[in-house]
Amino acid sequence: MEPHTGPGTGPHRRDISVVQLICRAYGLSDASEITLEHIHRYVAERRRVEERTHHLRDRFRPSIPRQRAADDAA
């Protein structure tokens, strides 16, 4: 599986697979316990989190005014 690429780029960062994330999220002991329902639920929850994060990021993005060029009228 693809390693999870999220925050944490320091020297102690560990790549965590999606399987490990699903196991941790639902308290499963290993990958053999993952069902299709776990996968669908995990994907749906991640989508909701991403949508919420995107919405908040747009909402709180600072409005930085454009710098004026030397020939712009004041």
PDB file of N, CA and C in Angstrom:
ATOM      1  N   MET A   1       0.846  -1.185   0.000  1.00  0.00           N
ATOM      2  CA  MET A   1       0.000   0.000   0.000  1.00  0.00           C
ATOM      3  C   MET A   1       0.888   1.243   0.000  1.00  0.00           C
ATOM      4  N   GLU A   2       0.304   2.334  -0.422  1.00  0.00           N
ATOM      5  CA  GLU A   2       1.029   3.595  -0.474  1.00  0.00           C
ATOM      6  C   GLU A   2       1.271   4.108   0.945  1.00  0.00           C
ATOM      7  N   PRO A   3       2.443   4.647   1.226  1.00  0.00           N
ATOM      8  CA  PRO A   3       2.653   5.238   2.548  1.00  0.00           C
ATOM      9  C   PRO A   3       1.853   6.519   2.684  1.00  0.00           C
ATOM     10  N   HIS A   4       1.421   6.792   3.889  1.00  0.00           N
ATOM     11  CA  HIS A   4       0.653   8.003   4.165  1.00  0.00           C
ATOM     12  C   HIS A   4       1.609   9.188   4.145  1.00  0.00           C
ATOM     13  N   THR A   5       1.297  10.174   3.334  1.00  0.00           N
ATOM     14  CA  THR A   5       2.135  11.365   3.273  1.00  0.00           C
ATOM     15  C   THR A   5       1.360  12.517   3.878  1.00  0.00           C
ATOM     16  N   GLY A   6       1.606  12.783   5.103  1.00  0.00           N
ATOM     17  CA  GLY A   6       0.915  13.850   5.804  1.00  0.00           C
ATOM     18  C   GLY A   6       1.907  14.736   6.506  1.00  0.00           C
ATOM     19  N   PRO A   7       1.408  15.493   7.484  1.00  0.00           N
ATOM     20  CA  PRO A   7       2.320  16.363   8.215  1.00  0.00           C
ATOM     21  C   PRO A   7       3.368  15.561   8.966  1.00  0.00           C
ATOM     22  N   GLY A   8       4.404  16.222   9.322  1.00  0.00           N
ATOM     23  CA  GLY A   8       5.469  15.559  10.057  1.00  0.00           C
ATOM     24  C   GLY A   8       6.637  15.283   9.147  1.00  0.00           C
ATOM     25  N   THR A   9       7.404  16.288   8.876  1.00  0.00           N
ATOM     26  CA  THR A   9       8.530  16.095   7.976  1.00  0.00           C
ATOM     27  C   THR A   9       9.851  16.147   8.716  1.00  0.00           C
ATOM     28  N   GLY A  10       9.821  16.041  10.030  1.00  0.00           N
ATOM     29  CA  GLY A  10      11.024  16.107  10.841  1.00  0.00           C
ATOM     30  C   GLY A  10      11.857  14.849  10.723  1.00  0.00           C
ATOM     31  N   PRO A  11      12.976  14.818  11.439  1.00  0.00           N
ATOM     32  CA  PRO A  11      13.884  13.673  11.347  1.00  0.00           C
ATOM     33  C   PRO A  11      13.303  12.389  11.921  1.00  0.00           C
ATOM     34  N   HIS A  12      12.285  12.470  12.767  1.00  0.00           N
ATOM     35  CA  HIS A  12      11.701  11.283  13.395  1.00  0.00           C
ATOM     36  C   HIS A  12      10.406  10.854  12.721  1.00  0.00           C
ATOM     37  N   ARG A  13      10.131  11.374  11.529  1.00  0.00           N
ATOM     38  CA  ARG A  13       8.904  11.056  10.809  1.00  0.00           C
ATOM     39  C   ARG A  13       8.935   9.605  10.347  1.00  0.00           C
ATOM     40  N   ARG A  14       7.807   8.941  10.489  1.00  0.00           N
ATOM     41  CA  ARG A  14       7.680   7.562  10.019  1.00  0.00           C
ATOM     42  C   ARG A  14       6.588   7.507   8.973  1.00  0.00           C
ATOM     43  N   ASP A  15       6.827   6.743   7.920  1.00  0.00           N
ATOM     44  CA  ASP A  15       5.791   6.524   6.923  1.00  0.00           C
ATOM     45  C   ASP A  15       4.838   5.468   7.461  1.00  0.00           C
ATOM     46  N   ILE A  16       3.554   5.783   7.410  1.00  0.00           N
ATOM     47  CA  ILE A  16       2.528   4.884   7.910  1.00  0.00           C
ATOM     48  C   ILE A  16       1.633   4.514   6.733  1.00  0.00           C
ATOM     49  N   SER A  17       1.398   3.238   6.541  1.00  0.00           N
ATOM     50  CA  SER A  17       0.561   2.800   5.426  1.00  0.00           C
ATOM     51  C   SER A  17      -0.912   3.044   5.751  1.00  0.00           C
ATOM     52  N   VAL A  18      -1.718   3.040   4.717  1.00  0.00           N
ATOM     53  CA  VAL A  18      -3.154   3.206   4.892  1.00  0.00           C
ATOM     54  C   VAL A  18      -3.709   2.055   5.727  1.00  0.00           C
ATOM     55  N   VAL A  19      -3.170   0.869   5.541  1.00  0.00           N
ATOM     56  CA  VAL A  19      -3.607  -0.289   6.325  1.00  0.00           C
ATOM     57  C   VAL A  19      -3.374  -0.035   7.810  1.00  0.00           C
ATOM     58  N   GLN A  20      -2.206   0.493   8.151  1.00  0.00           N
ATOM     59  CA  GLN A  20      -1.912   0.796   9.553  1.00  0.00           C
ATOM     60  C   GLN A  20      -2.853   1.882  10.081  1.00  0.00           C
ATOM     61  N   LEU A  21      -3.146   2.881   9.264  1.00  0.00           N
ATOM     62  CA  LEU A  21      -4.058   3.940   9.689  1.00  0.00           C
ATOM     63  C   LEU A  21      -5.459   3.395   9.961  1.00  0.00           C
ATOM     64  N   ILE A  22      -5.933   2.505   9.090  1.00  0.00           N
ATOM     65  CA  ILE A  22      -7.261   1.908   9.291  1.00  0.00           C
ATOM     66  C   ILE A  22      -7.265   1.053  10.551  1.00  0.00           C
ATOM     67  N   CYS A  23      -6.215   0.270  10.755  1.00  0.00           N
ATOM     68  CA  CYS A  23      -6.138  -0.563  11.965  1.00  0.00           C
ATOM     69  C   CYS A  23      -6.169   0.304  13.217  1.00  0.00           C
ATOM     70  N   ARG A  24      -5.412   1.388  13.211  1.00  0.00           N
ATOM     71  CA  ARG A  24      -5.396   2.293  14.374  1.00  0.00           C
ATOM     72  C   ARG A  24      -6.741   2.978  14.574  1.00  0.00           C
ATOM     73  N   ALA A  25      -7.368   3.405  13.476  1.00  0.00           N
ATOM     74  CA  ALA A  25      -8.630   4.139  13.572  1.00  0.00           C
ATOM     75  C   ALA A  25      -9.741   3.292  14.170  1.00  0.00           C
ATOM     76  N   TYR A  26      -9.742   1.994  13.880  1.00  0.00           N
ATOM     77  CA  TYR A  26     -10.843   1.140  14.322  1.00  0.00           C
ATOM     78  C   TYR A  26     -10.432   0.085  15.339  1.00  0.00           C
ATOM     79  N   GLY A  27      -9.230   0.213  15.886  1.00  0.00           N
ATOM     80  CA  GLY A  27      -8.793  -0.694  16.946  1.00  0.00           C
ATOM     81  C   GLY A  27      -8.616  -2.128  16.495  1.00  0.00           C
ATOM     82  N   LEU A  28      -8.167  -2.315  15.270  1.00  0.00           N
ATOM     83  CA  LEU A  28      -7.957  -3.668  14.746  1.00  0.00           C
ATOM     84  C   LEU A  28      -6.528  -4.099  15.036  1.00  0.00           C
ATOM     85  N   SER A  29      -6.342  -5.394  15.258  1.00  0.00           N
ATOM     86  CA  SER A  29      -5.004  -5.869  15.609  1.00  0.00           C
ATOM     87  C   SER A  29      -4.101  -6.020  14.385  1.00  0.00           C
ATOM     88  N   ASP A  30      -4.660  -6.386  13.233  1.00  0.00           N
ATOM     89  CA  ASP A  30      -3.848  -6.483  12.022  1.00  0.00           C
ATOM     90  C   ASP A  30      -4.727  -6.372  10.780  1.00  0.00           C
ATOM     91  N   ALA A  31      -4.086  -6.402   9.628  1.00  0.00           N
ATOM     92  CA  ALA A  31      -4.776  -6.186   8.354  1.00  0.00           C
ATOM     93  C   ALA A  31      -5.817  -7.263   8.051  1.00  0.00           C
ATOM     94  N   SER A  32      -5.666  -8.442   8.616  1.00  0.00           N
ATOM     95  CA  SER A  32      -6.616  -9.521   8.325  1.00  0.00           C
ATOM     96  C   SER A  32      -8.010  -9.216   8.864  1.00  0.00           C
ATOM     97  N   GLU A  33      -8.134  -8.267   9.783  1.00  0.00           N
ATOM     98  CA  GLU A  33      -9.429  -7.908  10.351  1.00  0.00           C
ATOM     99  C   GLU A  33     -10.151  -6.810   9.573  1.00  0.00           C
ATOM    100  N   ILE A  34      -9.475  -6.196   8.616  1.00  0.00           N
ATOM    101  CA  ILE A  34     -10.081  -5.107   7.850  1.00  0.00           C
ATOM    102  C   ILE A  34     -11.127  -5.667   6.903  1.00  0.00           C
ATOM    103  N   THR A  35     -12.318  -5.049   6.942  1.00  0.00           N
ATOM    104  CA  THR A  35     -13.380  -5.439   6.023  1.00  0.00           C
ATOM    105  C   THR A  35     -13.604  -4.312   5.027  1.00  0.00           C
ATOM    106  N   LEU A  36     -14.383  -4.592   4.013  1.00  0.00           N
ATOM    107  CA  LEU A  36     -14.711  -3.585   3.020  1.00  0.00           C
ATOM    108  C   LEU A  36     -15.447  -2.411   3.678  1.00  0.00           C
ATOM    109  N   GLU A  37     -16.241  -2.700   4.678  1.00  0.00           N
ATOM    110  CA  GLU A  37     -16.949  -1.639   5.410  1.00  0.00           C
ATOM    111  C   GLU A  37     -15.959  -0.695   6.095  1.00  0.00           C
ATOM    112  N   HIS A  38     -14.897  -1.234   6.698  1.00  0.00           N
ATOM    113  CA  HIS A  38     -13.873  -0.390   7.319  1.00  0.00           C
ATOM    114  C   HIS A  38     -13.264   0.550   6.287  1.00  0.00           C
ATOM    115  N   ILE A  39     -12.960   0.012   5.119  1.00  0.00           N
ATOM    116  CA  ILE A  39     -12.322   0.817   4.069  1.00  0.00           C
ATOM    117  C   ILE A  39     -13.259   1.919   3.607  1.00  0.00           C
ATOM    118  N   HIS A  40     -14.522   1.582   3.343  1.00  0.00           N
ATOM    119  CA  HIS A  40     -15.489   2.592   2.890  1.00  0.00           C
ATOM    120  C   HIS A  40     -15.694   3.670   3.953  1.00  0.00           C
ATOM    121  N   ARG A  41     -15.790   3.264   5.203  1.00  0.00           N
ATOM    122  CA  ARG A  41     -15.990   4.229   6.277  1.00  0.00           C
ATOM    123  C   ARG A  41     -14.777   5.142   6.419  1.00  0.00           C
ATOM    124  N   TYR A  42     -13.584   4.562   6.341  1.00  0.00           N
ATOM    125  CA  TYR A  42     -12.357   5.351   6.460  1.00  0.00           C
ATOM    126  C   TYR A  42     -12.253   6.378   5.328  1.00  0.00           C
ATOM    127  N   VAL A  43     -12.530   5.944   4.096  1.00  0.00           N
ATOM    128  CA  VAL A  43     -12.465   6.851   2.949  1.00  0.00           C
ATOM    129  C   VAL A  43     -13.493   7.970   3.096  1.00  0.00           C
ATOM    130  N   ALA A  44     -14.708   7.640   3.511  1.00  0.00           N
ATOM    131  CA  ALA A  44     -15.756   8.653   3.681  1.00  0.00           C
ATOM    132  C   ALA A  44     -15.368   9.661   4.763  1.00  0.00           C
ATOM    133  N   GLU A  45     -14.814   9.185   5.859  1.00  0.00           N
ATOM    134  CA  GLU A  45     -14.395  10.091   6.935  1.00  0.00           C
ATOM    135  C   GLU A  45     -13.260  10.995   6.475  1.00  0.00           C
ATOM    136  N   ARG A  46     -12.302  10.447   5.734  1.00  0.00           N
ATOM    137  CA  ARG A  46     -11.183  11.260   5.223  1.00  0.00           C
ATOM    138  C   ARG A  46     -11.688  12.329   4.268  1.00  0.00           C
ATOM    139  N   ARG A  47     -12.666  11.981   3.420  1.00  0.00           N
ATOM    140  CA  ARG A  47     -13.230  12.977   2.498  1.00  0.00           C
ATOM    141  C   ARG A  47     -13.890  14.111   3.261  1.00  0.00           C
ATOM    142  N   ARG A  48     -14.665  13.767   4.303  1.00  0.00           N
ATOM    143  CA  ARG A  48     -15.322  14.812   5.112  1.00  0.00           C
ATOM    144  C   ARG A  48     -14.294  15.715   5.768  1.00  0.00           C
ATOM    145  N   VAL A  49     -13.233  15.133   6.291  1.00  0.00           N
ATOM    146  CA  VAL A  49     -12.174  15.918   6.936  1.00  0.00           C
ATOM    147  C   VAL A  49     -11.505  16.827   5.916  1.00  0.00           C
ATOM    148  N   GLU A  50     -11.204  16.305   4.731  1.00  0.00           N
ATOM    149  CA  GLU A  50     -10.568  17.114   3.689  1.00  0.00           C
ATOM    150  C   GLU A  50     -11.462  18.270   3.255  1.00  0.00           C
ATOM    151  N   GLU A  51     -12.771  18.002   3.096  1.00  0.00           N
ATOM    152  CA  GLU A  51     -13.705  19.064   2.705  1.00  0.00           C
ATOM    153  C   GLU A  51     -13.770  20.141   3.778  1.00  0.00           C
ATOM    154  N   ARG A  52     -13.832  19.722   5.035  1.00  0.00           N
ATOM    155  CA  ARG A  52     -13.893  20.666   6.143  1.00  0.00           C
ATOM    156  C   ARG A  52     -12.613  21.495   6.212  1.00  0.00           C
ATOM    157  N   THR A  53     -11.469  20.834   6.046  1.00  0.00           N
ATOM    158  CA  THR A  53     -10.187  21.528   6.087  1.00  0.00           C
ATOM    159  C   THR A  53     -10.091  22.528   4.946  1.00  0.00           C
ATOM    160  N   HIS A  54     -10.515  22.114   3.753  1.00  0.00           N
ATOM    161  CA  HIS A  54     -10.479  23.006   2.597  1.00  0.00           C
ATOM    162  C   HIS A  54     -11.375  24.223   2.838  1.00  0.00           C
ATOM    163  N   HIS A  55     -12.569  23.987   3.380  1.00  0.00           N
ATOM    164  CA  HIS A  55     -13.502  25.073   3.672  1.00  0.00           C
ATOM    165  C   HIS A  55     -12.905  26.042   4.697  1.00  0.00           C
ATOM    166  N   LEU A  56     -12.321  25.511   5.761  1.00  0.00           N
ATOM    167  CA  LEU A  56     -11.716  26.368   6.783  1.00  0.00           C
ATOM    168  C   LEU A  56     -10.501  27.106   6.243  1.00  0.00           C
ATOM    169  N   ARG A  57      -9.719  26.439   5.430  1.00  0.00           N
ATOM    170  CA  ARG A  57      -8.534  27.073   4.859  1.00  0.00           C
ATOM    171  C   ARG A  57      -8.944  28.276   4.006  1.00  0.00           C
ATOM    172  N   ASP A  58      -9.993  28.113   3.194  1.00  0.00           N
ATOM    173  CA  ASP A  58     -10.482  29.231   2.381  1.00  0.00           C
ATOM    174  C   ASP A  58     -11.065  30.334   3.247  1.00  0.00           C
ATOM    175  N   ARG A  59     -11.754  29.941   4.298  1.00  0.00           N
ATOM    176  CA  ARG A  59     -12.422  30.911   5.167  1.00  0.00           C
ATOM    177  C   ARG A  59     -11.422  31.780   5.924  1.00  0.00           C
ATOM    178  N   PHE A  60     -10.332  31.191   6.386  1.00  0.00           N
ATOM    179  CA  PHE A  60      -9.379  31.918   7.219  1.00  0.00           C
ATOM    180  C   PHE A  60      -8.133  32.369   6.464  1.00  0.00           C
ATOM    181  N   ARG A  61      -8.135  32.204   5.144  1.00  0.00           N
ATOM    182  CA  ARG A  61      -6.982  32.641   4.357  1.00  0.00           C
ATOM    183  C   ARG A  61      -6.906  34.168   4.412  1.00  0.00           C
ATOM    184  N   PRO A  62      -5.750  34.698   4.782  1.00  0.00           N
ATOM    185  CA  PRO A  62      -5.644  36.150   4.883  1.00  0.00           C
ATOM    186  C   PRO A  62      -5.733  36.804   3.508  1.00  0.00           C
ATOM    187  N   SER A  63      -6.333  37.954   3.484  1.00  0.00           N
ATOM    188  CA  SER A  63      -6.442  38.713   2.250  1.00  0.00           C
ATOM    189  C   SER A  63      -5.221  39.611   2.161  1.00  0.00           C
ATOM    190  N   ILE A  64      -4.293  39.265   1.299  1.00  0.00           N
ATOM    191  CA  ILE A  64      -3.060  40.038   1.164  1.00  0.00           C
ATOM    192  C   ILE A  64      -3.220  40.949  -0.045  1.00  0.00           C
ATOM    193  N   PRO A  65      -3.151  42.251   0.183  1.00  0.00           N
ATOM    194  CA  PRO A  65      -3.349  43.165  -0.943  1.00  0.00           C
ATOM    195  C   PRO A  65      -2.198  43.066  -1.940  1.00  0.00           C
ATOM    196  N   ARG A  66      -2.531  43.305  -3.200  1.00  0.00           N
ATOM    197  CA  ARG A  66      -1.537  43.268  -4.271  1.00  0.00           C
ATOM    198  C   ARG A  66      -0.634  44.479  -4.157  1.00  0.00           C
ATOM    199  N   GLN A  67       0.660  44.260  -4.325  1.00  0.00           N
ATOM    200  CA  GLN A  67       1.584  45.392  -4.280  1.00  0.00           C
ATOM    201  C   GLN A  67       1.396  46.226  -5.526  1.00  0.00           C
ATOM    202  N   ARG A  68       1.486  47.511  -5.356  1.00  0.00           N
ATOM    203  CA  ARG A  68       1.324  48.408  -6.491  1.00  0.00           C
ATOM    204  C   ARG A  68       2.636  48.515  -7.258  1.00  0.00           C
ATOM    205  N   ALA A  69       2.500  48.612  -8.542  1.00  0.00           N
ATOM    206  CA  ALA A  69       3.668  48.834  -9.379  1.00  0.00           C
ATOM    207  C   ALA A  69       4.021  50.311  -9.338  1.00  0.00           C
ATOM    208  N   ALA A  70       5.214  50.648  -9.726  1.00  0.00           N
ATOM    209  CA  ALA A  70       5.679  52.031  -9.667  1.00  0.00           C
ATOM    210  C   ALA A  70       4.819  52.943 -10.539  1.00  0.00           C
ATOM    211  N   ASP A  71       4.259  52.423 -11.632  1.00  0.00           N
ATOM    212  CA  ASP A  71       3.476  53.284 -12.522  1.00  0.00           C
ATOM    213  C   ASP A  71       1.993  53.277 -12.225  1.00  0.00           C
ATOM    214  N   ASP A  72       1.530  52.578 -11.167  1.00  0.00           N
ATOM    215  CA  ASP A  72       0.116  52.596 -10.780  1.00  0.00           C
ATOM    216  C   ASP A  72      -0.285  53.944 -10.206  1.00  0.00           C
ATOM    217  N   ALA A  73      -1.507  54.349 -10.517  1.00  0.00           N
ATOM    218  CA  ALA A  73      -2.026  55.603  -9.969  1.00  0.00           C
ATOM    219  C   ALA A  73      -2.408  55.375  -8.515  1.00  0.00           C
ATOM    220  N   ALA A  74      -2.128  56.307  -7.683  1.00  0.00           N
ATOM    221  CA  ALA A  74      -2.381  56.170  -6.251  1.00  0.00           C
ATOM    222  C   ALA A  74      -3.811  56.446  -5.898  1.00  0.00           C
TER     223      ALA A  74
END
